Amino acid sequence: MISVWVLVRWIHLLAAITWIGGMLFILLVLLPVVRPALDPDSRALLVGRVGTRYGVISVVALIALLVTGYLNGERRSVDWTDLTATTYGSRLLIKLVLVALIVVITAAHTWYGQRIVRLAEQPPTVKETPEYLSVRRRLQIISGSLSAVNLVLNLAVVWIAASLAA
């Protein structure tokens, strides 16, 4: 018989794999393929559609992570005071703070990505202006930077999670 706690941990791990796996797929597979193959506007539209689809999946994964993370904490009888009083609690607190940052950065990245897509949908006459190119470049730099920071923070969360389970 499978324990409910094995199922909770499995869902937690599956959600983390889905969340980070999607980011790694976009970074390591999708972007290297579409960069040389598509013009910037077509690329923005395609990546925007992929991002929208991944966004739905990542929200489901995030909800699963939050629920199962809470349940795992309850199973271990982690109290709020433990977050500063024990080594396990301190690591968990760092993980929780990083997750909160990740949620904020993800929201910002989504907002900037949507702005890039809206720019790519502009008529050709608008796209030829220096203002358009300047704004687009700035948004791409911000979006890429947020994405990189987000990935690093997510990998740090996985590292901390591994230290909690060890």
N, C-alpha and C. Protein backbone atom coordinates (compact mmCIF):
# COMPACT_ATOMS: atom_id res chain seq x y z
N MET A 1 0.85 -1.19 0.00
CA MET A 1 0.00 0.00 0.00
C MET A 1 0.89 1.24 0.00
N ILE A 2 0.53 2.21 -0.81
CA ILE A 2 1.31 3.44 -0.92
C ILE A 2 0.79 4.44 0.11
N SER A 3 1.70 5.00 0.84
CA SER A 3 1.36 6.01 1.84
C SER A 3 0.90 7.28 1.15
N VAL A 4 -0.04 7.98 1.78
CA VAL A 4 -0.49 9.27 1.26
C VAL A 4 0.68 10.25 1.22
N TRP A 5 1.64 10.10 2.12
CA TRP A 5 2.78 11.01 2.18
C TRP A 5 3.74 10.78 1.02
N VAL A 6 3.81 9.55 0.55
CA VAL A 6 4.60 9.28 -0.66
C VAL A 6 3.94 9.98 -1.84
N LEU A 7 2.62 9.91 -1.91
CA LEU A 7 1.89 10.58 -2.99
C LEU A 7 2.07 12.10 -2.92
N VAL A 8 2.00 12.67 -1.72
CA VAL A 8 2.18 14.12 -1.55
C VAL A 8 3.58 14.53 -2.00
N ARG A 9 4.59 13.79 -1.57
CA ARG A 9 5.96 14.12 -1.97
C ARG A 9 6.15 13.94 -3.47
N TRP A 10 5.55 12.89 -4.04
CA TRP A 10 5.65 12.64 -5.48
C TRP A 10 5.03 13.80 -6.27
N ILE A 11 3.85 14.26 -5.84
CA ILE A 11 3.21 15.41 -6.51
C ILE A 11 4.10 16.64 -6.39
N HIS A 12 4.69 16.85 -5.21
CA HIS A 12 5.58 17.99 -5.00
C HIS A 12 6.77 17.93 -5.97
N LEU A 13 7.38 16.76 -6.06
CA LEU A 13 8.53 16.61 -6.96
C LEU A 13 8.11 16.74 -8.43
N LEU A 14 6.98 16.17 -8.80
CA LEU A 14 6.49 16.27 -10.17
C LEU A 14 6.20 17.73 -10.53
N ALA A 15 5.62 18.47 -9.61
CA ALA A 15 5.34 19.89 -9.87
C ALA A 15 6.64 20.68 -10.03
N ALA A 16 7.65 20.38 -9.21
CA ALA A 16 8.95 21.06 -9.33
C ALA A 16 9.62 20.72 -10.66
N ILE A 17 9.53 19.46 -11.05
CA ILE A 17 10.10 19.05 -12.34
C ILE A 17 9.40 19.78 -13.48
N THR A 18 8.09 19.89 -13.41
CA THR A 18 7.31 20.57 -14.45
C THR A 18 7.68 22.04 -14.51
N TRP A 19 7.77 22.69 -13.35
CA TRP A 19 8.08 24.12 -13.28
C TRP A 19 9.46 24.40 -13.87
N ILE A 20 10.47 23.73 -13.34
CA ILE A 20 11.84 24.01 -13.76
C ILE A 20 12.14 23.38 -15.13
N GLY A 21 11.55 22.23 -15.39
CA GLY A 21 11.75 21.59 -16.69
C GLY A 21 11.26 22.45 -17.83
N GLY A 22 10.14 23.13 -17.61
CA GLY A 22 9.61 24.03 -18.64
C GLY A 22 10.56 25.18 -18.91
N MET A 23 11.11 25.74 -17.83
CA MET A 23 12.08 26.84 -18.00
C MET A 23 13.32 26.36 -18.75
N LEU A 24 13.83 25.21 -18.37
CA LEU A 24 15.02 24.68 -19.03
C LEU A 24 14.74 24.34 -20.49
N PHE A 25 13.55 23.80 -20.77
CA PHE A 25 13.19 23.51 -22.16
C PHE A 25 13.21 24.78 -23.00
N ILE A 26 12.57 25.84 -22.49
CA ILE A 26 12.53 27.09 -23.25
C ILE A 26 13.94 27.62 -23.48
N LEU A 27 14.75 27.61 -22.43
CA LEU A 27 16.10 28.16 -22.52
C LEU A 27 17.04 27.31 -23.37
N LEU A 28 17.02 26.01 -23.17
CA LEU A 28 18.01 25.14 -23.80
C LEU A 28 17.58 24.51 -25.12
N VAL A 29 16.26 24.48 -25.38
CA VAL A 29 15.78 23.84 -26.60
C VAL A 29 15.08 24.85 -27.51
N LEU A 30 14.03 25.48 -27.01
CA LEU A 30 13.21 26.34 -27.86
C LEU A 30 13.97 27.56 -28.38
N LEU A 31 14.55 28.34 -27.49
CA LEU A 31 15.23 29.58 -27.93
C LEU A 31 16.38 29.32 -28.89
N PRO A 32 17.25 28.34 -28.63
CA PRO A 32 18.33 28.11 -29.60
C PRO A 32 17.83 27.67 -30.99
N VAL A 33 16.67 27.03 -31.03
CA VAL A 33 16.12 26.61 -32.32
C VAL A 33 15.47 27.78 -33.05
N VAL A 34 14.72 28.62 -32.33
CA VAL A 34 13.97 29.68 -33.02
C VAL A 34 14.81 30.93 -33.29
N ARG A 35 15.87 31.15 -32.52
CA ARG A 35 16.68 32.38 -32.75
C ARG A 35 17.18 32.49 -34.18
N PRO A 36 17.86 31.46 -34.70
CA PRO A 36 18.36 31.62 -36.07
C PRO A 36 17.29 31.38 -37.14
N ALA A 37 16.18 30.77 -36.76
CA ALA A 37 15.19 30.37 -37.76
C ALA A 37 14.11 31.42 -38.01
N LEU A 38 13.86 32.29 -37.05
CA LEU A 38 12.75 33.24 -37.18
C LEU A 38 13.22 34.67 -37.00
N ASP A 39 12.51 35.58 -37.67
CA ASP A 39 12.80 37.00 -37.46
C ASP A 39 12.34 37.37 -36.05
N PRO A 40 12.82 38.48 -35.51
CA PRO A 40 12.51 38.85 -34.12
C PRO A 40 11.01 38.90 -33.80
N ASP A 41 10.19 39.42 -34.72
CA ASP A 41 8.76 39.51 -34.43
C ASP A 41 8.10 38.14 -34.41
N SER A 42 8.41 37.32 -35.38
CA SER A 42 7.85 35.95 -35.41
C SER A 42 8.31 35.17 -34.19
N ARG A 43 9.56 35.34 -33.84
CA ARG A 43 10.11 34.68 -32.65
C ARG A 43 9.37 35.14 -31.39
N ALA A 44 9.15 36.44 -31.27
CA ALA A 44 8.44 36.97 -30.09
C ALA A 44 7.03 36.41 -30.01
N LEU A 45 6.36 36.32 -31.15
CA LEU A 45 5.00 35.79 -31.16
C LEU A 45 4.96 34.31 -30.79
N LEU A 46 5.89 33.53 -31.34
CA LEU A 46 5.94 32.11 -31.02
C LEU A 46 6.30 31.89 -29.55
N VAL A 47 7.35 32.55 -29.09
CA VAL A 47 7.76 32.40 -27.69
C VAL A 47 6.66 32.90 -26.76
N GLY A 48 5.95 33.95 -27.19
CA GLY A 48 4.82 34.44 -26.41
C GLY A 48 3.72 33.39 -26.28
N ARG A 49 3.42 32.69 -27.36
CA ARG A 49 2.40 31.63 -27.31
C ARG A 49 2.86 30.47 -26.44
N VAL A 50 4.12 30.10 -26.58
CA VAL A 50 4.67 29.03 -25.73
C VAL A 50 4.63 29.49 -24.26
N GLY A 51 5.01 30.74 -24.03
CA GLY A 51 5.01 31.27 -22.67
C GLY A 51 3.61 31.30 -22.07
N THR A 52 2.62 31.62 -22.87
CA THR A 52 1.24 31.61 -22.38
C THR A 52 0.82 30.20 -21.98
N ARG A 53 1.14 29.24 -22.83
CA ARG A 53 0.81 27.84 -22.53
C ARG A 53 1.58 27.37 -21.30
N TYR A 54 2.86 27.66 -21.25
CA TYR A 54 3.67 27.27 -20.10
C TYR A 54 3.18 27.99 -18.84
N GLY A 55 2.71 29.22 -19.00
CA GLY A 55 2.20 29.97 -17.85
C GLY A 55 1.04 29.26 -17.17
N VAL A 56 0.13 28.71 -17.95
CA VAL A 56 -0.99 27.96 -17.39
C VAL A 56 -0.48 26.73 -16.63
N ILE A 57 0.42 26.01 -17.26
CA ILE A 57 0.97 24.81 -16.64
C ILE A 57 1.76 25.17 -15.39
N SER A 58 2.52 26.27 -15.45
CA SER A 58 3.34 26.64 -14.30
C SER A 58 2.50 27.14 -13.13
N VAL A 59 1.36 27.76 -13.39
CA VAL A 59 0.46 28.16 -12.29
C VAL A 59 -0.08 26.92 -11.59
N VAL A 60 -0.48 25.92 -12.36
CA VAL A 60 -0.95 24.67 -11.76
C VAL A 60 0.18 24.03 -10.94
N ALA A 61 1.39 24.02 -11.50
CA ALA A 61 2.53 23.45 -10.79
C ALA A 61 2.81 24.25 -9.51
N LEU A 62 2.75 25.56 -9.58
CA LEU A 62 3.01 26.39 -8.41
C LEU A 62 1.98 26.12 -7.32
N ILE A 63 0.72 26.03 -7.69
CA ILE A 63 -0.33 25.73 -6.70
C ILE A 63 -0.06 24.36 -6.07
N ALA A 64 0.28 23.39 -6.89
CA ALA A 64 0.60 22.05 -6.36
C ALA A 64 1.80 22.11 -5.42
N LEU A 65 2.82 22.89 -5.79
CA LEU A 65 4.00 23.04 -4.93
C LEU A 65 3.64 23.67 -3.59
N LEU A 66 2.83 24.71 -3.62
CA LEU A 66 2.45 25.39 -2.38
C LEU A 66 1.62 24.47 -1.48
N VAL A 67 0.64 23.78 -2.06
CA VAL A 67 -0.22 22.90 -1.26
C VAL A 67 0.58 21.73 -0.70
N THR A 68 1.34 21.07 -1.55
CA THR A 68 2.09 19.91 -1.07
C THR A 68 3.24 20.32 -0.16
N GLY A 69 3.81 21.49 -0.40
CA GLY A 69 4.85 21.99 0.50
C GLY A 69 4.29 22.24 1.88
N TYR A 70 3.11 22.86 1.94
CA TYR A 70 2.45 23.08 3.22
C TYR A 70 2.16 21.75 3.91
N LEU A 71 1.63 20.77 3.16
CA LEU A 71 1.33 19.46 3.73
C LEU A 71 2.60 18.77 4.24
N ASN A 72 3.70 18.89 3.48
CA ASN A 72 4.96 18.31 3.94
C ASN A 72 5.43 18.96 5.24
N GLY A 73 5.25 20.28 5.34
CA GLY A 73 5.60 20.97 6.58
C GLY A 73 4.74 20.52 7.74
N GLU A 74 3.46 20.33 7.50
CA GLU A 74 2.55 19.84 8.54
C GLU A 74 2.95 18.44 8.98
N ARG A 75 3.31 17.61 8.02
CA ARG A 75 3.71 16.23 8.35
C ARG A 75 4.94 16.23 9.25
N ARG A 76 5.85 17.15 8.99
CA ARG A 76 7.06 17.24 9.80
C ARG A 76 6.85 18.09 11.06
N SER A 77 5.62 18.54 11.26
CA SER A 77 5.26 19.36 12.41
C SER A 77 6.10 20.63 12.51
N VAL A 78 6.34 21.24 11.37
CA VAL A 78 7.10 22.48 11.34
C VAL A 78 6.21 23.61 11.82
N ASP A 79 6.66 24.32 12.82
CA ASP A 79 5.94 25.46 13.37
C ASP A 79 6.64 26.73 12.91
N TRP A 80 5.91 27.84 12.90
CA TRP A 80 6.51 29.11 12.47
C TRP A 80 7.76 29.44 13.28
N THR A 81 7.77 29.09 14.57
CA THR A 81 8.95 29.39 15.40
C THR A 81 10.16 28.56 14.98
N ASP A 82 9.89 27.40 14.38
CA ASP A 82 11.00 26.54 13.91
C ASP A 82 11.79 27.19 12.78
N LEU A 83 11.16 28.13 12.07
CA LEU A 83 11.81 28.74 10.91
C LEU A 83 13.06 29.55 11.28
N THR A 84 13.16 29.93 12.52
CA THR A 84 14.35 30.66 12.97
C THR A 84 15.08 29.93 14.09
N ALA A 85 14.50 28.84 14.60
CA ALA A 85 15.08 28.19 15.77
C ALA A 85 15.86 26.92 15.46
N THR A 86 15.66 26.35 14.26
CA THR A 86 16.33 25.10 13.93
C THR A 86 17.05 25.23 12.59
N THR A 87 18.01 24.37 12.36
CA THR A 87 18.71 24.37 11.07
C THR A 87 17.75 24.03 9.95
N TYR A 88 16.92 23.00 10.17
CA TYR A 88 15.93 22.63 9.16
C TYR A 88 15.01 23.82 8.88
N GLY A 89 14.52 24.45 9.95
CA GLY A 89 13.62 25.59 9.80
C GLY A 89 14.26 26.76 9.07
N SER A 90 15.53 27.03 9.37
CA SER A 90 16.24 28.13 8.70
C SER A 90 16.37 27.88 7.22
N ARG A 91 16.69 26.65 6.86
CA ARG A 91 16.77 26.31 5.43
C ARG A 91 15.41 26.43 4.76
N LEU A 92 14.39 25.97 5.47
CA LEU A 92 13.04 26.07 4.94
C LEU A 92 12.63 27.53 4.77
N LEU A 93 13.00 28.38 5.71
CA LEU A 93 12.68 29.81 5.62
C LEU A 93 13.35 30.43 4.39
N ILE A 94 14.62 30.08 4.17
CA ILE A 94 15.32 30.59 2.98
C ILE A 94 14.59 30.12 1.72
N LYS A 95 14.18 28.86 1.70
CA LYS A 95 13.46 28.32 0.55
C LYS A 95 12.15 29.09 0.34
N LEU A 96 11.42 29.35 1.41
CA LEU A 96 10.15 30.07 1.30
C LEU A 96 10.34 31.50 0.79
N VAL A 97 11.39 32.16 1.28
CA VAL A 97 11.68 33.53 0.82
C VAL A 97 12.03 33.51 -0.67
N LEU A 98 12.84 32.54 -1.08
CA LEU A 98 13.19 32.43 -2.50
C LEU A 98 11.96 32.15 -3.36
N VAL A 99 11.07 31.30 -2.87
CA VAL A 99 9.84 31.00 -3.61
C VAL A 99 9.00 32.28 -3.76
N ALA A 100 8.91 33.07 -2.71
CA ALA A 100 8.17 34.33 -2.80
C ALA A 100 8.80 35.25 -3.85
N LEU A 101 10.13 35.33 -3.86
CA LEU A 101 10.83 36.14 -4.87
C LEU A 101 10.56 35.60 -6.28
N ILE A 102 10.57 34.30 -6.41
CA ILE A 102 10.32 33.66 -7.70
C ILE A 102 8.93 34.02 -8.22
N VAL A 103 7.95 34.01 -7.34
CA VAL A 103 6.58 34.35 -7.76
C VAL A 103 6.53 35.80 -8.25
N VAL A 104 7.18 36.70 -7.54
CA VAL A 104 7.19 38.11 -7.95
C VAL A 104 7.93 38.28 -9.28
N ILE A 105 9.09 37.65 -9.40
CA ILE A 105 9.88 37.76 -10.63
C ILE A 105 9.13 37.13 -11.80
N THR A 106 8.46 36.02 -11.56
CA THR A 106 7.67 35.38 -12.62
C THR A 106 6.56 36.30 -13.11
N ALA A 107 5.89 36.97 -12.19
CA ALA A 107 4.83 37.91 -12.57
C ALA A 107 5.41 39.06 -13.39
N ALA A 108 6.55 39.59 -12.96
CA ALA A 108 7.18 40.69 -13.71
C ALA A 108 7.62 40.21 -15.09
N HIS A 109 8.22 39.03 -15.15
CA HIS A 109 8.67 38.48 -16.43
C HIS A 109 7.49 38.29 -17.38
N THR A 110 6.38 37.82 -16.86
CA THR A 110 5.18 37.64 -17.68
C THR A 110 4.70 38.98 -18.22
N TRP A 111 4.70 40.00 -17.39
CA TRP A 111 4.26 41.33 -17.80
C TRP A 111 5.15 41.87 -18.92
N TYR A 112 6.47 41.75 -18.75
CA TYR A 112 7.38 42.24 -19.79
C TYR A 112 7.24 41.41 -21.07
N GLY A 113 7.07 40.11 -20.93
CA GLY A 113 6.89 39.26 -22.11
C GLY A 113 5.65 39.63 -22.89
N GLN A 114 4.58 39.93 -22.18
CA GLN A 114 3.34 40.35 -22.86
C GLN A 114 3.54 41.68 -23.59
N ARG A 115 4.32 42.57 -23.02
CA ARG A 115 4.61 43.84 -23.70
C ARG A 115 5.41 43.59 -24.98
N ILE A 116 6.36 42.67 -24.94
CA ILE A 116 7.15 42.34 -26.13
C ILE A 116 6.23 41.78 -27.23
N VAL A 117 5.31 40.91 -26.85
CA VAL A 117 4.37 40.35 -27.82
C VAL A 117 3.51 41.45 -28.42
N ARG A 118 3.01 42.37 -27.60
CA ARG A 118 2.20 43.49 -28.12
C ARG A 118 3.01 44.35 -29.10
N LEU A 119 4.29 44.53 -28.80
CA LEU A 119 5.13 45.28 -29.74
C LEU A 119 5.28 44.54 -31.07
N ALA A 120 5.45 43.22 -30.99
CA ALA A 120 5.61 42.42 -32.21
C ALA A 120 4.35 42.43 -33.06
N GLU A 121 3.22 42.72 -32.47
CA GLU A 121 1.95 42.76 -33.20
C GLU A 121 1.69 44.12 -33.86
N GLN A 122 2.57 45.08 -33.65
CA GLN A 122 2.39 46.42 -34.22
C GLN A 122 2.56 46.37 -35.75
N PRO A 123 1.96 47.34 -36.45
CA PRO A 123 2.11 47.38 -37.92
C PRO A 123 3.57 47.66 -38.30
N PRO A 124 3.97 47.25 -39.50
CA PRO A 124 5.35 47.43 -39.95
C PRO A 124 5.85 48.87 -39.88
N THR A 125 4.98 49.82 -40.12
CA THR A 125 5.42 51.23 -40.10
C THR A 125 5.89 51.64 -38.71
N VAL A 126 5.26 51.12 -37.69
CA VAL A 126 5.66 51.43 -36.30
C VAL A 126 6.99 50.76 -35.97
N LYS A 127 7.20 49.55 -36.48
CA LYS A 127 8.39 48.77 -36.17
C LYS A 127 9.66 49.36 -36.75
N GLU A 128 9.52 50.27 -37.70
CA GLU A 128 10.70 50.87 -38.33
C GLU A 128 11.21 52.09 -37.58
N THR A 129 10.51 52.51 -36.56
CA THR A 129 10.92 53.72 -35.84
C THR A 129 12.02 53.42 -34.84
N PRO A 130 12.91 54.36 -34.60
CA PRO A 130 13.96 54.16 -33.59
C PRO A 130 13.38 53.94 -32.19
N GLU A 131 12.25 54.59 -31.90
CA GLU A 131 11.63 54.43 -30.58
C GLU A 131 11.20 52.98 -30.36
N TYR A 132 10.61 52.40 -31.39
CA TYR A 132 10.16 51.01 -31.31
C TYR A 132 11.35 50.10 -31.01
N LEU A 133 12.42 50.25 -31.80
CA LEU A 133 13.59 49.40 -31.62
C LEU A 133 14.21 49.57 -30.24
N SER A 134 14.24 50.79 -29.76
CA SER A 134 14.80 51.07 -28.44
C SER A 134 13.97 50.42 -27.33
N VAL A 135 12.66 50.60 -27.40
CA VAL A 135 11.78 50.02 -26.39
C VAL A 135 11.85 48.50 -26.42
N ARG A 136 11.81 47.95 -27.63
CA ARG A 136 11.86 46.49 -27.77
C ARG A 136 13.16 45.93 -27.18
N ARG A 137 14.27 46.56 -27.49
CA ARG A 137 15.56 46.10 -26.98
C ARG A 137 15.61 46.16 -25.45
N ARG A 138 15.10 47.27 -24.91
CA ARG A 138 15.08 47.43 -23.45
C ARG A 138 14.22 46.34 -22.80
N LEU A 139 13.04 46.08 -23.36
CA LEU A 139 12.15 45.05 -22.83
C LEU A 139 12.78 43.67 -22.91
N GLN A 140 13.49 43.39 -24.01
CA GLN A 140 14.14 42.09 -24.16
C GLN A 140 15.24 41.90 -23.12
N ILE A 141 15.99 42.96 -22.85
CA ILE A 141 17.05 42.87 -21.85
C ILE A 141 16.46 42.63 -20.47
N ILE A 142 15.41 43.37 -20.15
CA ILE A 142 14.78 43.20 -18.84
C ILE A 142 14.17 41.80 -18.72
N SER A 143 13.46 41.37 -19.74
CA SER A 143 12.82 40.05 -19.73
C SER A 143 13.86 38.94 -19.60
N GLY A 144 14.92 39.03 -20.39
CA GLY A 144 15.98 38.03 -20.32
C GLY A 144 16.66 38.00 -18.96
N SER A 145 16.89 39.18 -18.39
CA SER A 145 17.52 39.26 -17.07
C SER A 145 16.63 38.64 -16.00
N LEU A 146 15.34 38.97 -16.05
CA LEU A 146 14.40 38.38 -15.09
C LEU A 146 14.35 36.86 -15.22
N SER A 147 14.36 36.40 -16.46
CA SER A 147 14.34 34.96 -16.71
C SER A 147 15.58 34.28 -16.14
N ALA A 148 16.74 34.89 -16.34
CA ALA A 148 17.99 34.31 -15.82
C ALA A 148 17.99 34.28 -14.29
N VAL A 149 17.59 35.37 -13.67
CA VAL A 149 17.53 35.42 -12.20
C VAL A 149 16.54 34.39 -11.69
N ASN A 150 15.41 34.28 -12.36
CA ASN A 150 14.39 33.32 -11.97
C ASN A 150 14.92 31.89 -12.02
N LEU A 151 15.62 31.55 -13.07
CA LEU A 151 16.18 30.21 -13.19
C LEU A 151 17.19 29.94 -12.09
N VAL A 152 18.08 30.88 -11.82
CA VAL A 152 19.08 30.70 -10.77
C VAL A 152 18.40 30.50 -9.41
N LEU A 153 17.38 31.31 -9.13
CA LEU A 153 16.67 31.17 -7.86
C LEU A 153 15.96 29.82 -7.76
N ASN A 154 15.37 29.39 -8.87
CA ASN A 154 14.72 28.08 -8.87
C ASN A 154 15.71 26.95 -8.63
N LEU A 155 16.87 27.04 -9.24
CA LEU A 155 17.89 26.01 -9.00
C LEU A 155 18.37 26.05 -7.55
N ALA A 156 18.44 27.24 -6.97
CA ALA A 156 18.80 27.36 -5.55
C ALA A 156 17.73 26.71 -4.67
N VAL A 157 16.47 26.89 -5.02
CA VAL A 157 15.39 26.26 -4.26
C VAL A 157 15.50 24.74 -4.32
N VAL A 158 15.83 24.21 -5.50
CA VAL A 158 15.99 22.76 -5.63
C VAL A 158 17.17 22.29 -4.78
N TRP A 159 18.24 23.06 -4.78
CA TRP A 159 19.42 22.71 -3.95
C TRP A 159 19.03 22.67 -2.47
N ILE A 160 18.32 23.68 -2.03
CA ILE A 160 17.89 23.73 -0.62
C ILE A 160 16.94 22.57 -0.32
N ALA A 161 16.04 22.29 -1.25
CA ALA A 161 15.11 21.16 -1.06
C ALA A 161 15.88 19.85 -0.91
N ALA A 162 16.93 19.69 -1.69
CA ALA A 162 17.76 18.49 -1.57
C ALA A 162 18.43 18.42 -0.20
N SER A 163 18.85 19.58 0.30
CA SER A 163 19.49 19.58 1.63
C SER A 163 18.48 19.30 2.73
N LEU A 164 17.22 19.69 2.51
CA LEU A 164 16.19 19.40 3.51
C LEU A 164 15.85 17.91 3.55
N ALA A 165 15.88 17.28 2.39
CA ALA A 165 15.52 15.87 2.30
C ALA A 165 16.68 14.95 2.72
N ALA A 166 17.90 15.48 2.67
CA ALA A 166 19.07 14.64 2.98
C ALA A 166 19.18 14.32 4.45
